């Protein structure tokens, strides 16, 4: 194997990983993150600390939920039978 074929296979692996990641992005999650981010920025600029903190907490909770669902859930609610 020469260097060109190794580099090409490494690049294809990176593109495949990126396409899998993009395939996992759900539009409703992206929209929720954008809305919470906009609310956070607006709350910071206007001086509404409670709103900004609530939006930050929402982003953290949403990220935690997405990570749990990608890791196989782990809370046992899918195997109730």
PDB file of N, CA and C in Angstrom:
ATOM      1  N   UNK A   1       0.835  -1.197   0.000  1.00  0.00           N
ATOM      2  CA  UNK A   1       0.000   0.000   0.000  1.00  0.00           C
ATOM      3  C   UNK A   1       0.874   1.252   0.000  1.00  0.00           C
ATOM      4  N   UNK A   2       0.579   2.164  -0.857  1.00  0.00           N
ATOM      5  CA  UNK A   2       1.363   3.386  -0.867  1.00  0.00           C
ATOM      6  C   UNK A   2       0.683   4.471  -0.043  1.00  0.00           C
ATOM      7  N   UNK A   3       1.353   5.589   0.090  1.00  0.00           N
ATOM      8  CA  UNK A   3       0.848   6.664   0.957  1.00  0.00           C
ATOM      9  C   UNK A   3      -0.454   7.268   0.448  1.00  0.00           C
ATOM     10  N   UNK A   4      -0.597   7.356  -0.859  1.00  0.00           N
ATOM     11  CA  UNK A   4      -1.812   7.959  -1.403  1.00  0.00           C
ATOM     12  C   UNK A   4      -3.056   7.155  -1.048  1.00  0.00           C
ATOM     13  N   UNK A   5      -2.968   5.843  -1.163  1.00  0.00           N
ATOM     14  CA  UNK A   5      -4.144   5.030  -0.850  1.00  0.00           C
ATOM     15  C   UNK A   5      -4.458   5.069   0.636  1.00  0.00           C
ATOM     16  N   UNK A   6      -3.446   5.153   1.498  1.00  0.00           N
ATOM     17  CA  UNK A   6      -3.693   5.255   2.934  1.00  0.00           C
ATOM     18  C   UNK A   6      -4.364   6.581   3.254  1.00  0.00           C
ATOM     19  N   UNK A   7      -3.861   7.648   2.695  1.00  0.00           N
ATOM     20  CA  UNK A   7      -4.462   8.966   2.947  1.00  0.00           C
ATOM     21  C   UNK A   7      -5.890   9.024   2.426  1.00  0.00           C
ATOM     22  N   UNK A   8      -6.116   8.437   1.251  1.00  0.00           N
ATOM     23  CA  UNK A   8      -7.454   8.451   0.677  1.00  0.00           C
ATOM     24  C   UNK A   8      -8.423   7.680   1.566  1.00  0.00           C
ATOM     25  N   UNK A   9      -7.994   6.515   2.091  1.00  0.00           N
ATOM     26  CA  UNK A   9      -8.876   5.738   2.970  1.00  0.00           C
ATOM     27  C   UNK A   9      -9.128   6.478   4.275  1.00  0.00           C
ATOM     28  N   UNK A  10      -8.136   7.210   4.798  1.00  0.00           N
ATOM     29  CA  UNK A  10      -8.347   7.995   6.013  1.00  0.00           C
ATOM     30  C   UNK A  10      -9.352   9.108   5.764  1.00  0.00           C
ATOM     31  N   UNK A  11      -9.255   9.737   4.609  1.00  0.00           N
ATOM     32  CA  UNK A  11     -10.209  10.804   4.288  1.00  0.00           C
ATOM     33  C   UNK A  11     -11.615  10.253   4.117  1.00  0.00           C
ATOM     34  N   UNK A  12     -11.745   9.120   3.496  1.00  0.00           N
ATOM     35  CA  UNK A  12     -13.067   8.531   3.327  1.00  0.00           C
ATOM     36  C   UNK A  12     -13.660   8.161   4.683  1.00  0.00           C
ATOM     37  N   UNK A  13     -12.823   7.695   5.605  1.00  0.00           N
ATOM     38  CA  UNK A  13     -13.305   7.385   6.944  1.00  0.00           C
ATOM     39  C   UNK A  13     -13.818   8.626   7.651  1.00  0.00           C
ATOM     40  N   UNK A  14     -13.116   9.738   7.482  1.00  0.00           N
ATOM     41  CA  UNK A  14     -13.549  10.987   8.101  1.00  0.00           C
ATOM     42  C   UNK A  14     -14.861  11.465   7.487  1.00  0.00           C
ATOM     43  N   UNK A  15     -14.997  11.359   6.164  1.00  0.00           N
ATOM     44  CA  UNK A  15     -16.231  11.791   5.515  1.00  0.00           C
ATOM     45  C   UNK A  15     -17.405  10.910   5.910  1.00  0.00           C
ATOM     46  N   UNK A  16     -17.144   9.612   6.048  1.00  0.00           N
ATOM     47  CA  UNK A  16     -18.216   8.708   6.460  1.00  0.00           C
ATOM     48  C   UNK A  16     -18.678   9.029   7.871  1.00  0.00           C
ATOM     49  N   UNK A  17     -17.721   9.330   8.763  1.00  0.00           N
ATOM     50  CA  UNK A  17     -18.078   9.714  10.130  1.00  0.00           C
ATOM     51  C   UNK A  17     -18.869  11.001  10.157  1.00  0.00           C
ATOM     52  N   UNK A  18     -18.474  11.961   9.324  1.00  0.00           N
ATOM     53  CA  UNK A  18     -19.197  13.230   9.266  1.00  0.00           C
ATOM     54  C   UNK A  18     -20.603  13.034   8.716  1.00  0.00           C
ATOM     55  N   UNK A  19     -20.745  12.200   7.704  1.00  0.00           N
ATOM     56  CA  UNK A  19     -22.079  11.985   7.146  1.00  0.00           C
ATOM     57  C   UNK A  19     -22.977  11.258   8.142  1.00  0.00           C
ATOM     58  N   UNK A  20     -22.410  10.350   8.944  1.00  0.00           N
ATOM     59  CA  UNK A  20     -23.211   9.699   9.984  1.00  0.00           C
ATOM     60  C   UNK A  20     -23.650  10.702  11.036  1.00  0.00           C
ATOM     61  N   UNK A  21     -22.734  11.619  11.411  1.00  0.00           N
ATOM     62  CA  UNK A  21     -23.078  12.642  12.404  1.00  0.00           C
ATOM     63  C   UNK A  21     -24.174  13.561  11.879  1.00  0.00           C
ATOM     64  N   UNK A  22     -24.050  14.001  10.647  1.00  0.00           N
ATOM     65  CA  UNK A  22     -25.060  14.888  10.069  1.00  0.00           C
ATOM     66  C   UNK A  22     -26.390  14.153   9.946  1.00  0.00           C
ATOM     67  N   UNK A  23     -26.360  12.858   9.682  1.00  0.00           N
ATOM     68  CA  UNK A  23     -27.583  12.076   9.605  1.00  0.00           C
ATOM     69  C   UNK A  23     -28.300  11.958  10.940  1.00  0.00           C
ATOM     70  N   UNK A  24     -27.567  12.106  12.047  1.00  0.00           N
ATOM     71  CA  UNK A  24     -28.169  11.997  13.377  1.00  0.00           C
ATOM     72  C   UNK A  24     -28.771  13.307  13.867  1.00  0.00           C
ATOM     73  N   UNK A  25     -28.446  14.420  13.225  1.00  0.00           N
ATOM     74  CA  UNK A  25     -28.973  15.707  13.668  1.00  0.00           C
ATOM     75  C   UNK A  25     -30.464  15.768  13.367  1.00  0.00           C
ATOM     76  N   UNK A  26     -31.229  16.043  14.395  1.00  0.00           N
ATOM     77  CA  UNK A  26     -32.679  16.140  14.227  1.00  0.00           C
ATOM     78  C   UNK A  26     -33.065  17.611  14.175  1.00  0.00           C
ATOM     79  N   UNK A  27     -33.915  17.988  13.237  1.00  0.00           N
ATOM     80  CA  UNK A  27     -34.259  19.404  13.058  1.00  0.00           C
ATOM     81  C   UNK A  27     -34.902  20.020  14.296  1.00  0.00           C
ATOM     82  N   UNK A  28     -35.731  19.274  15.014  1.00  0.00           N
ATOM     83  CA  UNK A  28     -36.397  19.849  16.177  1.00  0.00           C
ATOM     84  C   UNK A  28     -35.396  20.143  17.298  1.00  0.00           C
ATOM     85  N   UNK A  29     -34.351  19.319  17.426  1.00  0.00           N
ATOM     86  CA  UNK A  29     -33.321  19.571  18.429  1.00  0.00           C
ATOM     87  C   UNK A  29     -32.520  20.811  18.034  1.00  0.00           C
ATOM     88  N   UNK A  30     -32.175  20.909  16.754  1.00  0.00           N
ATOM     89  CA  UNK A  30     -31.434  22.074  16.275  1.00  0.00           C
ATOM     90  C   UNK A  30     -32.239  23.356  16.484  1.00  0.00           C
ATOM     91  N   UNK A  31     -33.527  23.312  16.188  1.00  0.00           N
ATOM     92  CA  UNK A  31     -34.385  24.484  16.380  1.00  0.00           C
ATOM     93  C   UNK A  31     -34.483  24.856  17.855  1.00  0.00           C
ATOM     94  N   UNK A  32     -34.624  23.850  18.726  1.00  0.00           N
ATOM     95  CA  UNK A  32     -34.703  24.127  20.155  1.00  0.00           C
ATOM     96  C   UNK A  32     -33.412  24.768  20.671  1.00  0.00           C
ATOM     97  N   UNK A  33     -32.263  24.279  20.202  1.00  0.00           N
ATOM     98  CA  UNK A  33     -30.993  24.878  20.617  1.00  0.00           C
ATOM     99  C   UNK A  33     -30.878  26.316  20.130  1.00  0.00           C
ATOM    100  N   UNK A  34     -31.337  26.573  18.911  1.00  0.00           N
ATOM    101  CA  UNK A  34     -31.282  27.946  18.377  1.00  0.00           C
ATOM    102  C   UNK A  34     -32.193  28.881  19.170  1.00  0.00           C
ATOM    103  N   UNK A  35     -33.391  28.438  19.491  1.00  0.00           N
ATOM    104  CA  UNK A  35     -34.327  29.274  20.240  1.00  0.00           C
ATOM    105  C   UNK A  35     -33.803  29.535  21.645  1.00  0.00           C
ATOM    106  N   UNK A  36     -33.298  28.486  22.304  1.00  0.00           N
ATOM    107  CA  UNK A  36     -32.750  28.677  23.651  1.00  0.00           C
ATOM    108  C   UNK A  36     -31.513  29.572  23.626  1.00  0.00           C
ATOM    109  N   UNK A  37     -30.684  29.422  22.611  1.00  0.00           N
ATOM    110  CA  UNK A  37     -29.507  30.280  22.476  1.00  0.00           C
ATOM    111  C   UNK A  37     -29.894  31.730  22.243  1.00  0.00           C
ATOM    112  N   UNK A  38     -30.895  31.955  21.408  1.00  0.00           N
ATOM    113  CA  UNK A  38     -31.355  33.328  21.163  1.00  0.00           C
ATOM    114  C   UNK A  38     -31.963  33.930  22.424  1.00  0.00           C
ATOM    115  N   UNK A  39     -32.736  33.123  23.163  1.00  0.00           N
ATOM    116  CA  UNK A  39     -33.295  33.608  24.423  1.00  0.00           C
ATOM    117  C   UNK A  39     -32.217  33.930  25.441  1.00  0.00           C
ATOM    118  N   UNK A  40     -31.175  33.123  25.463  1.00  0.00           N
ATOM    119  CA  UNK A  40     -30.068  33.372  26.378  1.00  0.00           C
ATOM    120  C   UNK A  40     -29.347  34.680  26.034  1.00  0.00           C
ATOM    121  N   UNK A  41     -29.063  34.869  24.763  1.00  0.00           N
ATOM    122  CA  UNK A  41     -28.377  36.101  24.343  1.00  0.00           C
ATOM    123  C   UNK A  41     -29.243  37.323  24.622  1.00  0.00           C
ATOM    124  N   UNK A  42     -30.522  37.226  24.319  1.00  0.00           N
ATOM    125  CA  UNK A  42     -31.434  38.334  24.585  1.00  0.00           C
ATOM    126  C   UNK A  42     -31.521  38.616  26.086  1.00  0.00           C
ATOM    127  N   UNK A  43     -31.605  37.569  26.897  1.00  0.00           N
ATOM    128  CA  UNK A  43     -31.652  37.749  28.337  1.00  0.00           C
ATOM    129  C   UNK A  43     -30.402  38.403  28.887  1.00  0.00           C
ATOM    130  N   UNK A  44     -29.245  38.047  28.346  1.00  0.00           N
ATOM    131  CA  UNK A  44     -27.989  38.662  28.791  1.00  0.00           C
ATOM    132  C   UNK A  44     -27.944  40.128  28.393  1.00  0.00           C
ATOM    133  N   UNK A  45     -28.338  40.440  27.156  1.00  0.00           N
ATOM    134  CA  UNK A  45     -28.265  41.818  26.676  1.00  0.00           C
ATOM    135  C   UNK A  45     -29.239  42.734  27.402  1.00  0.00           C
ATOM    136  N   UNK A  46     -30.427  42.227  27.719  1.00  0.00           N
ATOM    137  CA  UNK A  46     -31.442  43.052  28.367  1.00  0.00           C
ATOM    138  C   UNK A  46     -31.209  43.134  29.875  1.00  0.00           C
ATOM    139  N   UNK A  47     -30.509  42.150  30.417  1.00  0.00           N
ATOM    140  CA  UNK A  47     -30.235  42.141  31.835  1.00  0.00           C
ATOM    141  C   UNK A  47     -31.179  41.255  32.630  1.00  0.00           C
ATOM    142  N   UNK A  48     -31.871  40.360  31.946  1.00  0.00           N
ATOM    143  CA  UNK A  48     -32.769  39.422  32.609  1.00  0.00           C
ATOM    144  C   UNK A  48     -31.990  38.145  32.919  1.00  0.00           C
ATOM    145  N   UNK A  49     -31.328  38.154  34.048  1.00  0.00           N
ATOM    146  CA  UNK A  49     -30.450  37.054  34.404  1.00  0.00           C
ATOM    147  C   UNK A  49     -31.205  35.745  34.551  1.00  0.00           C
ATOM    148  N   UNK A  50     -32.410  35.804  35.101  1.00  0.00           N
ATOM    149  CA  UNK A  50     -33.179  34.579  35.311  1.00  0.00           C
ATOM    150  C   UNK A  50     -33.509  33.895  33.997  1.00  0.00           C
ATOM    151  N   UNK A  51     -33.848  34.693  32.989  1.00  0.00           N
ATOM    152  CA  UNK A  51     -34.160  34.129  31.668  1.00  0.00           C
ATOM    153  C   UNK A  51     -32.913  33.503  31.055  1.00  0.00           C
ATOM    154  N   UNK A  52     -31.784  34.184  31.162  1.00  0.00           N
ATOM    155  CA  UNK A  52     -30.535  33.669  30.607  1.00  0.00           C
ATOM    156  C   UNK A  52     -30.133  32.360  31.282  1.00  0.00           C
ATOM    157  N   UNK A  53     -30.257  32.306  32.605  1.00  0.00           N
ATOM    158  CA  UNK A  53     -29.895  31.088  33.337  1.00  0.00           C
ATOM    159  C   UNK A  53     -30.852  29.953  32.980  1.00  0.00           C
ATOM    160  N   UNK A  54     -32.125  30.253  32.832  1.00  0.00           N
ATOM    161  CA  UNK A  54     -33.089  29.233  32.437  1.00  0.00           C
ATOM    162  C   UNK A  54     -32.788  28.669  31.064  1.00  0.00           C
ATOM    163  N   UNK A  55     -32.392  29.535  30.138  1.00  0.00           N
ATOM    164  CA  UNK A  55     -32.041  29.074  28.794  1.00  0.00           C
ATOM    165  C   UNK A  55     -30.772  28.225  28.817  1.00  0.00           C
ATOM    166  N   UNK A  56     -29.798  28.613  29.621  1.00  0.00           N
ATOM    167  CA  UNK A  56     -28.579  27.819  29.747  1.00  0.00           C
ATOM    168  C   UNK A  56     -28.909  26.441  30.321  1.00  0.00           C
ATOM    169  N   UNK A  57     -29.764  26.414  31.341  1.00  0.00           N
ATOM    170  CA  UNK A  57     -30.167  25.134  31.926  1.00  0.00           C
ATOM    171  C   UNK A  57     -30.913  24.274  30.899  1.00  0.00           C
ATOM    172  N   UNK A  58     -31.721  24.898  30.070  1.00  0.00           N
ATOM    173  CA  UNK A  58     -32.426  24.166  29.024  1.00  0.00           C
ATOM    174  C   UNK A  58     -31.473  23.574  28.000  1.00  0.00           C
ATOM    175  N   UNK A  59     -30.450  24.335  27.625  1.00  0.00           N
ATOM    176  CA  UNK A  59     -29.455  23.831  26.680  1.00  0.00           C
ATOM    177  C   UNK A  59     -28.714  22.643  27.276  1.00  0.00           C
ATOM    178  N   UNK A  60     -28.336  22.752  28.551  1.00  0.00           N
ATOM    179  CA  UNK A  60     -27.617  21.662  29.209  1.00  0.00           C
ATOM    180  C   UNK A  60     -28.502  20.415  29.302  1.00  0.00           C
ATOM    181  N   UNK A  61     -29.758  20.597  29.676  1.00  0.00           N
ATOM    182  CA  UNK A  61     -30.672  19.454  29.794  1.00  0.00           C
ATOM    183  C   UNK A  61     -30.920  18.804  28.437  1.00  0.00           C
ATOM    184  N   UNK A  62     -31.059  19.615  27.417  1.00  0.00           N
ATOM    185  CA  UNK A  62     -31.277  19.077  26.076  1.00  0.00           C
ATOM    186  C   UNK A  62     -30.051  18.315  25.589  1.00  0.00           C
ATOM    187  N   UNK A  63     -28.870  18.867  25.846  1.00  0.00           N
ATOM    188  CA  UNK A  63     -27.640  18.185  25.445  1.00  0.00           C
ATOM    189  C   UNK A  63     -27.495  16.859  26.189  1.00  0.00           C
ATOM    190  N   UNK A  64     -27.836  16.839  27.466  1.00  0.00           N
ATOM    191  CA  UNK A  64     -27.776  15.607  28.252  1.00  0.00           C
ATOM    192  C   UNK A  64     -28.731  14.565  27.688  1.00  0.00           C
ATOM    193  N   UNK A  65     -29.914  14.992  27.333  1.00  0.00           N
ATOM    194  CA  UNK A  65     -30.905  14.079  26.772  1.00  0.00           C
ATOM    195  C   UNK A  65     -30.442  13.506  25.440  1.00  0.00           C
ATOM    196  N   UNK A  66     -29.861  14.340  24.601  1.00  0.00           N
ATOM    197  CA  UNK A  66     -29.368  13.878  23.301  1.00  0.00           C
ATOM    198  C   UNK A  66     -28.227  12.898  23.496  1.00  0.00           C
ATOM    199  N   UNK A  67     -27.316  13.184  24.420  1.00  0.00           N
ATOM    200  CA  UNK A  67     -26.211  12.265  24.673  1.00  0.00           C
ATOM    201  C   UNK A  67     -26.709  10.930  25.215  1.00  0.00           C
ATOM    202  N   UNK A  68     -27.704  10.958  26.079  1.00  0.00           N
ATOM    203  CA  UNK A  68     -28.254   9.716  26.609  1.00  0.00           C
ATOM    204  C   UNK A  68     -28.918   8.893  25.514  1.00  0.00           C
ATOM    205  N   UNK A  69     -29.652   9.538  24.637  1.00  0.00           N
ATOM    206  CA  UNK A  69     -30.335   8.797  23.581  1.00  0.00           C
ATOM    207  C   UNK A  69     -29.333   8.224  22.580  1.00  0.00           C
ATOM    208  N   UNK A  70     -28.223   8.921  22.333  1.00  0.00           N
ATOM    209  CA  UNK A  70     -27.201   8.402  21.432  1.00  0.00           C
ATOM    210  C   UNK A  70     -26.418   7.265  22.061  1.00  0.00           C
ATOM    211  N   UNK A  71     -26.315   7.236  23.385  1.00  0.00           N
ATOM    212  CA  UNK A  71     -25.536   6.207  24.071  1.00  0.00           C
ATOM    213  C   UNK A  71     -26.381   4.971  24.379  1.00  0.00           C
ATOM    214  N   UNK A  72     -27.579   4.897  23.906  1.00  0.00           N
ATOM    215  CA  UNK A  72     -28.407   3.735  24.130  1.00  0.00           C
ATOM    216  C   UNK A  72     -29.354   3.892  25.296  1.00  0.00           C
ATOM    217  N   UNK A  73     -29.630   5.098  25.685  1.00  0.00           N
ATOM    218  CA  UNK A  73     -30.596   5.457  26.715  1.00  0.00           C
ATOM    219  C   UNK A  73     -30.107   5.094  28.102  1.00  0.00           C
ATOM    220  N   UNK A  74     -30.098   3.843  28.463  1.00  0.00           N
ATOM    221  CA  UNK A  74     -29.559   3.440  29.734  1.00  0.00           C
ATOM    222  C   UNK A  74     -30.489   3.614  30.919  1.00  0.00           C
ATOM    223  N   UNK A  75     -31.681   4.166  30.729  1.00  0.00           N
ATOM    224  CA  UNK A  75     -32.568   4.349  31.865  1.00  0.00           C
ATOM    225  C   UNK A  75     -33.644   3.266  31.940  1.00  0.00           C
ATOM    226  N   UNK A  76     -33.634   2.322  31.047  1.00  0.00           N
ATOM    227  CA  UNK A  76     -34.499   1.158  31.145  1.00  0.00           C
ATOM    228  C   UNK A  76     -35.929   1.364  30.680  1.00  0.00           C
ATOM    229  N   UNK A  77     -36.283   2.523  30.140  1.00  0.00           N
ATOM    230  CA  UNK A  77     -37.675   2.707  29.737  1.00  0.00           C
ATOM    231  C   UNK A  77     -37.995   2.083  28.383  1.00  0.00           C
ATOM    232  N   UNK A  78     -36.984   1.732  27.623  1.00  0.00           N
ATOM    233  CA  UNK A  78     -37.230   1.129  26.317  1.00  0.00           C
ATOM    234  C   UNK A  78     -37.477  -0.356  26.374  1.00  0.00           C
ATOM    235  N   UNK A  79     -37.066  -1.014  27.445  1.00  0.00           N
ATOM    236  CA  UNK A  79     -37.211  -2.459  27.554  1.00  0.00           C
ATOM    237  C   UNK A  79     -38.342  -2.887  28.469  1.00  0.00           C
ATOM    238  N   UNK A  80     -39.282  -1.987  28.708  1.00  0.00           N
ATOM    239  CA  UNK A  80     -40.406  -2.355  29.583  1.00  0.00           C
ATOM    240  C   UNK A  80     -41.284  -3.355  28.854  1.00  0.00           C
ATOM    241  N   UNK A  81     -41.373  -4.544  29.394  1.00  0.00           N
ATOM    242  CA  UNK A  81     -42.154  -5.519  28.657  1.00  0.00           C
ATOM    243  C   UNK A  81     -42.716  -6.488  29.538  1.00  0.00           C
TER     244      UNK A  81
END
